[in-house]
PDB file of N, CA and C in Angstrom:
ATOM      1  N   MET A   1      12.223  38.402  40.102  1.00  0.00           N
ATOM      2  CA  MET A   1      13.298  37.690  39.460  1.00  0.00           C
ATOM      3  C   MET A   1      12.791  37.172  38.109  1.00  0.00           C
ATOM      4  N   ALA A   2      13.557  37.384  37.065  1.00  0.00           N
ATOM      5  CA  ALA A   2      13.194  36.933  35.725  1.00  0.00           C
ATOM      6  C   ALA A   2      13.528  35.452  35.570  1.00  0.00           C
ATOM      7  N   VAL A   3      12.632  34.770  34.893  1.00  0.00           N
ATOM      8  CA  VAL A   3      12.845  33.353  34.636  1.00  0.00           C
ATOM      9  C   VAL A   3      13.337  33.217  33.201  1.00  0.00           C
ATOM     10  N   LYS A   4      14.448  32.520  33.047  1.00  0.00           N
ATOM     11  CA  LYS A   4      15.010  32.325  31.710  1.00  0.00           C
ATOM     12  C   LYS A   4      14.279  31.182  31.019  1.00  0.00           C
ATOM     13  N   GLY A   5      13.849  31.405  29.799  1.00  0.00           N
ATOM     14  CA  GLY A   5      13.154  30.372  29.031  1.00  0.00           C
ATOM     15  C   GLY A   5      14.111  29.291  28.553  1.00  0.00           C
ATOM     16  N   ILE A   6      13.547  28.137  28.282  1.00  0.00           N
ATOM     17  CA  ILE A   6      14.333  27.026  27.778  1.00  0.00           C
ATOM     18  C   ILE A   6      14.027  26.867  26.299  1.00  0.00           C
ATOM     19  N   ASN A   7      15.058  26.815  25.491  1.00  0.00           N
ATOM     20  CA  ASN A   7      14.904  26.638  24.056  1.00  0.00           C
ATOM     21  C   ASN A   7      14.784  25.139  23.763  1.00  0.00           C
ATOM     22  N   PHE A   8      13.627  24.731  23.284  1.00  0.00           N
ATOM     23  CA  PHE A   8      13.377  23.318  23.034  1.00  0.00           C
ATOM     24  C   PHE A   8      14.372  22.724  22.054  1.00  0.00           C
ATOM     25  N   SER A   9      14.699  23.439  21.010  1.00  0.00           N
ATOM     26  CA  SER A   9      15.631  22.924  19.999  1.00  0.00           C
ATOM     27  C   SER A   9      16.982  22.585  20.606  1.00  0.00           C
ATOM     28  N   GLU A  10      17.444  23.424  21.508  1.00  0.00           N
ATOM     29  CA  GLU A  10      18.732  23.168  22.157  1.00  0.00           C
ATOM     30  C   GLU A  10      18.656  21.953  23.074  1.00  0.00           C
ATOM     31  N   VAL A  11      17.566  21.847  23.820  1.00  0.00           N
ATOM     32  CA  VAL A  11      17.390  20.704  24.717  1.00  0.00           C
ATOM     33  C   VAL A  11      17.314  19.413  23.898  1.00  0.00           C
ATOM     34  N   LYS A  12      16.557  19.458  22.811  1.00  0.00           N
ATOM     35  CA  LYS A  12      16.406  18.278  21.953  1.00  0.00           C
ATOM     36  C   LYS A  12      17.753  17.876  21.354  1.00  0.00           C
ATOM     37  N   GLU A  13      18.487  18.847  20.846  1.00  0.00           N
ATOM     38  CA  GLU A  13      19.793  18.571  20.249  1.00  0.00           C
ATOM     39  C   GLU A  13      20.745  17.937  21.266  1.00  0.00           C
ATOM     40  N   LYS A  14      20.746  18.472  22.463  1.00  0.00           N
ATOM     41  CA  LYS A  14      21.614  17.930  23.506  1.00  0.00           C
ATOM     42  C   LYS A  14      21.189  16.507  23.871  1.00  0.00           C
ATOM     43  N   ALA A  15      19.881  16.285  24.014  1.00  0.00           N
ATOM     44  CA  ALA A  15      19.392  14.950  24.367  1.00  0.00           C
ATOM     45  C   ALA A  15      19.721  13.939  23.277  1.00  0.00           C
ATOM     46  N   LEU A  16      19.555  14.334  22.021  1.00  0.00           N
ATOM     47  CA  LEU A  16      19.790  13.415  20.911  1.00  0.00           C
ATOM     48  C   LEU A  16      21.270  13.152  20.653  1.00  0.00           C
ATOM     49  N   SER A  17      22.139  13.873  21.324  1.00  0.00           N
ATOM     50  CA  SER A  17      23.570  13.581  21.204  1.00  0.00           C
ATOM     51  C   SER A  17      23.926  12.307  21.971  1.00  0.00           C
ATOM     52  N   ASN A  18      23.030  11.868  22.856  1.00  0.00           N
ATOM     53  CA  ASN A  18      23.191  10.606  23.577  1.00  0.00           C
ATOM     54  C   ASN A  18      22.646   9.496  22.667  1.00  0.00           C
ATOM     55  N   HIS A  19      23.480   8.503  22.349  1.00  0.00           N
ATOM     56  CA  HIS A  19      23.092   7.456  21.395  1.00  0.00           C
ATOM     57  C   HIS A  19      21.867   6.663  21.841  1.00  0.00           C
ATOM     58  N   GLU A  20      21.739   6.378  23.126  1.00  0.00           N
ATOM     59  CA  GLU A  20      20.584   5.624  23.626  1.00  0.00           C
ATOM     60  C   GLU A  20      19.301   6.436  23.485  1.00  0.00           C
ATOM     61  N   VAL A  21      19.373   7.706  23.808  1.00  0.00           N
ATOM     62  CA  VAL A  21      18.214   8.593  23.680  1.00  0.00           C
ATOM     63  C   VAL A  21      17.832   8.730  22.211  1.00  0.00           C
ATOM     64  N   LYS A  22      18.838   8.872  21.353  1.00  0.00           N
ATOM     65  CA  LYS A  22      18.574   9.026  19.920  1.00  0.00           C
ATOM     66  C   LYS A  22      17.886   7.775  19.360  1.00  0.00           C
ATOM     67  N   LYS A  23      18.345   6.590  19.745  1.00  0.00           N
ATOM     68  CA  LYS A  23      17.722   5.345  19.277  1.00  0.00           C
ATOM     69  C   LYS A  23      16.273   5.260  19.741  1.00  0.00           C
ATOM     70  N   ALA A  24      16.029   5.568  21.010  1.00  0.00           N
ATOM     71  CA  ALA A  24      14.658   5.524  21.545  1.00  0.00           C
ATOM     72  C   ALA A  24      13.768   6.524  20.803  1.00  0.00           C
ATOM     73  N   TYR A  25      14.290   7.701  20.526  1.00  0.00           N
ATOM     74  CA  TYR A  25      13.551   8.732  19.793  1.00  0.00           C
ATOM     75  C   TYR A  25      13.210   8.250  18.375  1.00  0.00           C
ATOM     76  N   GLU A  26      14.189   7.661  17.694  1.00  0.00           N
ATOM     77  CA  GLU A  26      13.953   7.173  16.334  1.00  0.00           C
ATOM     78  C   GLU A  26      12.951   6.027  16.318  1.00  0.00           C
ATOM     79  N   ASP A  27      13.055   5.124  17.304  1.00  0.00           N
ATOM     80  CA  ASP A  27      12.093   4.018  17.397  1.00  0.00           C
ATOM     81  C   ASP A  27      10.677   4.545  17.580  1.00  0.00           C
ATOM     82  N   GLU A  28      10.519   5.519  18.448  1.00  0.00           N
ATOM     83  CA  GLU A  28       9.199   6.095  18.712  1.00  0.00           C
ATOM     84  C   GLU A  28       8.673   6.818  17.477  1.00  0.00           C
ATOM     85  N   THR A  29       9.553   7.494  16.762  1.00  0.00           N
ATOM     86  CA  THR A  29       9.165   8.201  15.547  1.00  0.00           C
ATOM     87  C   THR A  29       8.664   7.212  14.497  1.00  0.00           C
ATOM     88  N   GLN A  30       9.350   6.079  14.354  1.00  0.00           N
ATOM     89  CA  GLN A  30       8.926   5.060  13.397  1.00  0.00           C
ATOM     90  C   GLN A  30       7.579   4.458  13.788  1.00  0.00           C
ATOM     91  N   GLU A  31       7.387   4.227  15.084  1.00  0.00           N
ATOM     92  CA  GLU A  31       6.111   3.675  15.546  1.00  0.00           C
ATOM     93  C   GLU A  31       4.971   4.645  15.245  1.00  0.00           C
ATOM     94  N   GLU A  32       5.194   5.915  15.490  1.00  0.00           N
ATOM     95  CA  GLU A  32       4.159   6.914  15.199  1.00  0.00           C
ATOM     96  C   GLU A  32       3.860   6.974  13.704  1.00  0.00           C
ATOM     97  N   ALA A  33       4.883   6.827  12.873  1.00  0.00           N
ATOM     98  CA  ALA A  33       4.678   6.840  11.424  1.00  0.00           C
ATOM     99  C   ALA A  33       3.837   5.638  10.991  1.00  0.00           C
ATOM    100  N   LEU A  34       4.124   4.473  11.560  1.00  0.00           N
ATOM    101  CA  LEU A  34       3.350   3.275  11.228  1.00  0.00           C
ATOM    102  C   LEU A  34       1.918   3.403  11.720  1.00  0.00           C
ATOM    103  N   ARG A  35       1.744   3.955  12.913  1.00  0.00           N
ATOM    104  CA  ARG A  35       0.391   4.174  13.441  1.00  0.00           C
ATOM    105  C   ARG A  35      -0.384   5.099  12.500  1.00  0.00           C
ATOM    106  N   ALA A  36       0.278   6.124  11.983  1.00  0.00           N
ATOM    107  CA  ALA A  36      -0.376   7.058  11.059  1.00  0.00           C
ATOM    108  C   ALA A  36      -0.798   6.349   9.772  1.00  0.00           C
ATOM    109  N   VAL A  37       0.007   5.379   9.317  1.00  0.00           N
ATOM    110  CA  VAL A  37      -0.344   4.615   8.120  1.00  0.00           C
ATOM    111  C   VAL A  37      -1.614   3.805   8.372  1.00  0.00           C
ATOM    112  N   LEU A  38      -1.704   3.161   9.541  1.00  0.00           N
ATOM    113  CA  LEU A  38      -2.908   2.389   9.862  1.00  0.00           C
ATOM    114  C   LEU A  38      -4.134   3.289   9.920  1.00  0.00           C
ATOM    115  N   ILE A  39      -3.990   4.443  10.535  1.00  0.00           N
ATOM    116  CA  ILE A  39      -5.105   5.387  10.632  1.00  0.00           C
ATOM    117  C   ILE A  39      -5.542   5.834   9.233  1.00  0.00           C
ATOM    118  N   GLU A  40      -4.569   6.080   8.365  1.00  0.00           N
ATOM    119  CA  GLU A  40      -4.905   6.500   7.004  1.00  0.00           C
ATOM    120  C   GLU A  40      -5.608   5.374   6.242  1.00  0.00           C
ATOM    121  N   MET A  41      -5.116   4.140   6.402  1.00  0.00           N
ATOM    122  CA  MET A  41      -5.777   2.997   5.737  1.00  0.00           C
ATOM    123  C   MET A  41      -7.224   2.880   6.195  1.00  0.00           C
ATOM    124  N   LYS A  42      -7.411   2.961   7.503  1.00  0.00           N
ATOM    125  CA  LYS A  42      -8.755   2.831   8.074  1.00  0.00           C
ATOM    126  C   LYS A  42      -9.666   3.950   7.568  1.00  0.00           C
ATOM    127  N   SER A  43      -9.148   5.153   7.555  1.00  0.00           N
ATOM    128  CA  SER A  43      -9.925   6.304   7.106  1.00  0.00           C
ATOM    129  C   SER A  43     -10.304   6.180   5.633  1.00  0.00           C
ATOM    130  N   LYS A  44      -9.329   5.829   4.798  1.00  0.00           N
ATOM    131  CA  LYS A  44      -9.609   5.698   3.362  1.00  0.00           C
ATOM    132  C   LYS A  44     -10.564   4.564   3.053  1.00  0.00           C
ATOM    133  N   SER A  45     -10.513   3.513   3.877  1.00  0.00           N
ATOM    134  CA  SER A  45     -11.405   2.371   3.628  1.00  0.00           C
ATOM    135  C   SER A  45     -12.837   2.679   4.037  1.00  0.00           C
ATOM    136  N   GLY A  46     -12.999   3.622   4.976  1.00  0.00           N
ATOM    137  CA  GLY A  46     -14.331   3.946   5.478  1.00  0.00           C
ATOM    138  C   GLY A  46     -14.885   2.886   6.415  1.00  0.00           C
ATOM    139  N   LEU A  47     -14.023   1.989   6.877  1.00  0.00           N
ATOM    140  CA  LEU A  47     -14.454   0.902   7.747  1.00  0.00           C
ATOM    141  C   LEU A  47     -14.263   1.255   9.216  1.00  0.00           C
ATOM    142  N   THR A  48     -15.036   0.607  10.058  1.00  0.00           N
ATOM    143  CA  THR A  48     -14.861   0.731  11.502  1.00  0.00           C
ATOM    144  C   THR A  48     -13.899  -0.363  11.969  1.00  0.00           C
ATOM    145  N   SER A  49     -13.425  -0.241  13.199  1.00  0.00           N
ATOM    146  CA  SER A  49     -12.576  -1.283  13.780  1.00  0.00           C
ATOM    147  C   SER A  49     -13.305  -2.623  13.813  1.00  0.00           C
ATOM    148  N   THR A  50     -14.595  -2.590  14.078  1.00  0.00           N
ATOM    149  CA  THR A  50     -15.401  -3.818  14.114  1.00  0.00           C
ATOM    150  C   THR A  50     -15.432  -4.486  12.742  1.00  0.00           C
ATOM    151  N   GLU A  51     -15.594  -3.688  11.698  1.00  0.00           N
ATOM    152  CA  GLU A  51     -15.629  -4.237  10.346  1.00  0.00           C
ATOM    153  C   GLU A  51     -14.259  -4.788   9.928  1.00  0.00           C
ATOM    154  N   ILE A  52     -13.207  -4.068  10.293  1.00  0.00           N
ATOM    155  CA  ILE A  52     -11.851  -4.541   9.988  1.00  0.00           C
ATOM    156  C   ILE A  52     -11.593  -5.853  10.723  1.00  0.00           C
ATOM    157  N   ALA A  53     -12.001  -5.914  11.980  1.00  0.00           N
ATOM    158  CA  ALA A  53     -11.821  -7.130  12.773  1.00  0.00           C
ATOM    159  C   ALA A  53     -12.521  -8.315  12.119  1.00  0.00           C
ATOM    160  N   ALA A  54     -13.748  -8.110  11.673  1.00  0.00           N
ATOM    161  CA  ALA A  54     -14.504  -9.189  11.029  1.00  0.00           C
ATOM    162  C   ALA A  54     -13.785  -9.675   9.774  1.00  0.00           C
ATOM    163  N   ARG A  55     -13.272  -8.751   8.996  1.00  0.00           N
ATOM    164  CA  ARG A  55     -12.556  -9.118   7.768  1.00  0.00           C
ATOM    165  C   ARG A  55     -11.241  -9.836   8.071  1.00  0.00           C
ATOM    166  N   MET A  56     -10.614  -9.484   9.220  1.00  0.00           N
ATOM    167  CA  MET A  56      -9.352 -10.132   9.611  1.00  0.00           C
ATOM    168  C   MET A  56      -9.590 -11.451  10.335  1.00  0.00           C
ATOM    169  N   GLY A  57     -10.818 -11.658  10.808  1.00  0.00           N
ATOM    170  CA  GLY A  57     -11.124 -12.860  11.562  1.00  0.00           C
ATOM    171  C   GLY A  57     -10.632 -12.798  13.004  1.00  0.00           C
ATOM    172  N   VAL A  58     -10.594 -11.573  13.547  1.00  0.00           N
ATOM    173  CA  VAL A  58     -10.177 -11.373  14.942  1.00  0.00           C
ATOM    174  C   VAL A  58     -11.237 -10.538  15.653  1.00  0.00           C
ATOM    175  N   SER A  59     -11.059 -10.343  16.946  1.00  0.00           N
ATOM    176  CA  SER A  59     -12.004  -9.539  17.708  1.00  0.00           C
ATOM    177  C   SER A  59     -11.723  -8.046  17.508  1.00  0.00           C
ATOM    178  N   GLN A  60     -12.730  -7.239  17.773  1.00  0.00           N
ATOM    179  CA  GLN A  60     -12.550  -5.787  17.690  1.00  0.00           C
ATOM    180  C   GLN A  60     -11.506  -5.298  18.688  1.00  0.00           C
ATOM    181  N   PRO A  61     -11.484  -5.815  19.937  1.00  0.00           N
ATOM    182  CA  PRO A  61     -10.411  -5.383  20.854  1.00  0.00           C
ATOM    183  C   PRO A  61      -9.007  -5.707  20.341  1.00  0.00           C
ATOM    184  N   ALA A  62      -8.870  -6.807  19.585  1.00  0.00           N
ATOM    185  CA  ALA A  62      -7.561  -7.149  19.013  1.00  0.00           C
ATOM    186  C   ALA A  62      -7.127  -6.090  17.999  1.00  0.00           C
ATOM    187  N   VAL A  63      -8.062  -5.604  17.214  1.00  0.00           N
ATOM    188  CA  VAL A  63      -7.755  -4.547  16.243  1.00  0.00           C
ATOM    189  C   VAL A  63      -7.398  -3.252  16.975  1.00  0.00           C
ATOM    190  N   SER A  64      -8.134  -2.933  18.015  1.00  0.00           N
ATOM    191  CA  SER A  64      -7.826  -1.726  18.798  1.00  0.00           C
ATOM    192  C   SER A  64      -6.429  -1.802  19.409  1.00  0.00           C
ATOM    193  N   ARG A  65      -6.072  -2.992  19.917  1.00  0.00           N
ATOM    194  CA  ARG A  65      -4.727  -3.173  20.490  1.00  0.00           C
ATOM    195  C   ARG A  65      -3.665  -2.984  19.415  1.00  0.00           C
ATOM    196  N   LEU A  66      -3.911  -3.539  18.237  1.00  0.00           N
ATOM    197  CA  LEU A  66      -2.987  -3.385  17.114  1.00  0.00           C
ATOM    198  C   LEU A  66      -2.805  -1.904  16.778  1.00  0.00           C
ATOM    199  N   GLU A  67      -3.903  -1.180  16.698  1.00  0.00           N
ATOM    200  CA  GLU A  67      -3.844   0.239  16.339  1.00  0.00           C
ATOM    201  C   GLU A  67      -3.113   1.065  17.390  1.00  0.00           C
ATOM    202  N   ARG A  68      -3.185   0.647  18.653  1.00  0.00           N
ATOM    203  CA  ARG A  68      -2.496   1.370  19.729  1.00  0.00           C
ATOM    204  C   ARG A  68      -1.027   0.971  19.857  1.00  0.00           C
ATOM    205  N   ASN A  69      -0.726  -0.298  19.590  1.00  0.00           N
ATOM    206  CA  ASN A  69       0.611  -0.825  19.847  1.00  0.00           C
ATOM    207  C   ASN A  69       1.166  -1.494  18.595  1.00  0.00           C
ATOM    208  N   VAL A  70       1.395  -0.707  17.569  1.00  0.00           N
ATOM    209  CA  VAL A  70       1.823  -1.249  16.282  1.00  0.00           C
ATOM    210  C   VAL A  70       3.230  -1.828  16.321  1.00  0.00           C
ATOM    211  N   SER A  71       4.032  -1.414  17.272  1.00  0.00           N
ATOM    212  CA  SER A  71       5.428  -1.871  17.296  1.00  0.00           C
ATOM    213  C   SER A  71       5.553  -3.365  17.561  1.00  0.00           C
ATOM    214  N   SER A  72       4.547  -3.967  18.162  1.00  0.00           N
ATOM    215  CA  SER A  72       4.620  -5.404  18.449  1.00  0.00           C
ATOM    216  C   SER A  72       3.938  -6.247  17.373  1.00  0.00           C
ATOM    217  N   ALA A  73       3.413  -5.615  16.354  1.00  0.00           N
ATOM    218  CA  ALA A  73       2.690  -6.337  15.301  1.00  0.00           C
ATOM    219  C   ALA A  73       3.667  -7.022  14.347  1.00  0.00           C
ATOM    220  N   SER A  74       3.267  -8.205  13.894  1.00  0.00           N
ATOM    221  CA  SER A  74       4.072  -8.904  12.887  1.00  0.00           C
ATOM    222  C   SER A  74       3.747  -8.327  11.509  1.00  0.00           C
ATOM    223  N   ILE A  75       4.632  -8.586  10.576  1.00  0.00           N
ATOM    224  CA  ILE A  75       4.409  -8.131   9.196  1.00  0.00           C
ATOM    225  C   ILE A  75       3.126  -8.770   8.653  1.00  0.00           C
ATOM    226  N   SER A  76       2.924 -10.047   8.959  1.00  0.00           N
ATOM    227  CA  SER A  76       1.728 -10.718   8.429  1.00  0.00           C
ATOM    228  C   SER A  76       0.449 -10.102   9.001  1.00  0.00           C
ATOM    229  N   THR A  77       0.479  -9.690  10.254  1.00  0.00           N
ATOM    230  CA  THR A  77      -0.697  -9.027  10.845  1.00  0.00           C
ATOM    231  C   THR A  77      -0.948  -7.692  10.166  1.00  0.00           C
ATOM    232  N   LEU A  78       0.110  -6.943   9.918  1.00  0.00           N
ATOM    233  CA  LEU A  78      -0.036  -5.655   9.232  1.00  0.00           C
ATOM    234  C   LEU A  78      -0.548  -5.864   7.806  1.00  0.00           C
ATOM    235  N   GLN A  79      -0.102  -6.926   7.153  1.00  0.00           N
ATOM    236  CA  GLN A  79      -0.589  -7.241   5.805  1.00  0.00           C
ATOM    237  C   GLN A  79      -2.070  -7.597   5.835  1.00  0.00           C
ATOM    238  N   ARG A  80      -2.487  -8.356   6.843  1.00  0.00           N
ATOM    239  CA  ARG A  80      -3.908  -8.716   6.977  1.00  0.00           C
ATOM    240  C   ARG A  80      -4.756  -7.481   7.243  1.00  0.00           C
ATOM    241  N   TYR A  81      -4.243  -6.557   8.063  1.00  0.00           N
ATOM    242  CA  TYR A  81      -4.962  -5.313   8.344  1.00  0.00           C
ATOM    243  C   TYR A  81      -5.144  -4.534   7.035  1.00  0.00           C
ATOM    244  N   ALA A  82      -4.056  -4.403   6.274  1.00  0.00           N
ATOM    245  CA  ALA A  82      -4.123  -3.675   5.005  1.00  0.00           C
ATOM    246  C   ALA A  82      -5.122  -4.346   4.055  1.00  0.00           C
ATOM    247  N   ALA A  83      -5.068  -5.673   3.972  1.00  0.00           N
ATOM    248  CA  ALA A  83      -5.990  -6.402   3.086  1.00  0.00           C
ATOM    249  C   ALA A  83      -7.436  -6.200   3.527  1.00  0.00           C
ATOM    250  N   ALA A  84      -7.665  -6.196   4.834  1.00  0.00           N
ATOM    251  CA  ALA A  84      -9.019  -5.969   5.351  1.00  0.00           C
ATOM    252  C   ALA A  84      -9.530  -4.592   4.952  1.00  0.00           C
ATOM    253  N   CYS A  85      -8.611  -3.652   4.805  1.00  0.00           N
ATOM    254  CA  CYS A  85      -8.973  -2.287   4.388  1.00  0.00           C
ATOM    255  C   CYS A  85      -9.024  -2.157   2.868  1.00  0.00           C
ATOM    256  N   GLY A  86      -8.774  -3.271   2.163  1.00  0.00           N
ATOM    257  CA  GLY A  86      -8.796  -3.237   0.698  1.00  0.00           C
ATOM    258  C   GLY A  86      -7.533  -2.658   0.106  1.00  0.00           C
ATOM    259  N   MET A  87      -6.447  -2.764   0.855  1.00  0.00           N
ATOM    260  CA  MET A  87      -5.178  -2.189   0.410  1.00  0.00           C
ATOM    261  C   MET A  87      -4.074  -3.232   0.503  1.00  0.00           C
ATOM    262  N   GLN A  88      -2.905  -2.844   0.025  1.00  0.00           N
ATOM    263  CA  GLN A  88      -1.751  -3.723   0.058  1.00  0.00           C
ATOM    264  C   GLN A  88      -0.635  -3.018   0.816  1.00  0.00           C
ATOM    265  N   LEU A  89       0.014  -3.743   1.709  1.00  0.00           N
ATOM    266  CA  LEU A  89       1.132  -3.202   2.473  1.00  0.00           C
ATOM    267  C   LEU A  89       2.398  -3.356   1.650  1.00  0.00           C
ATOM    268  N   LYS A  90       3.115  -2.261   1.463  1.00  0.00           N
ATOM    269  CA  LYS A  90       4.378  -2.296   0.730  1.00  0.00           C
ATOM    270  C   LYS A  90       5.462  -1.767   1.665  1.00  0.00           C
ATOM    271  N   LEU A  91       6.535  -2.518   1.774  1.00  0.00           N
ATOM    272  CA  LEU A  91       7.650  -2.124   2.622  1.00  0.00           C
ATOM    273  C   LEU A  91       8.805  -1.683   1.746  1.00  0.00           C
ATOM    274  N   SER A  92       9.569  -0.730   2.240  1.00  0.00           N
ATOM    275  CA  SER A  92      10.757  -0.309   1.502  1.00  0.00           C
ATOM    276  C   SER A  92      11.862   0.001   2.491  1.00  0.00           C
ATOM    277  N   LEU A  93      13.059  -0.143   2.031  1.00  0.00           N
ATOM    278  CA  LEU A  93      14.229   0.200   2.840  1.00  0.00           C
ATOM    279  C   LEU A  93      14.733   1.551   2.375  1.00  0.00           C
ATOM    280  N   GLY A  94      15.203   2.301   3.325  1.00  0.00           N
ATOM    281  CA  GLY A  94      15.707   3.586   2.875  1.00  0.00           C
ATOM    282  C   GLY A  94      16.073   4.505   3.966  1.00  0.00           C
TER     283      GLY A  94
END
């Protein structure tokens, strides 16, 4: 018996037609984008999590938690992280 393949694009389109699913998807996409920004800041700074933590005045595990769970971070925490990396956080609407 032949097994029919599932087209991911069609499944995704159907799932995203549900407003709740679409909101959850967009929220997750934004979180991943913010996480990527933190990773890029850290990489460009050449600092370790321990060094960033020292500059922020927090523990290294606190920085690791921030990097894993950016959605719960305050703007001021994100600004402190950026400053610790020698950068400035800029927000825009769009």
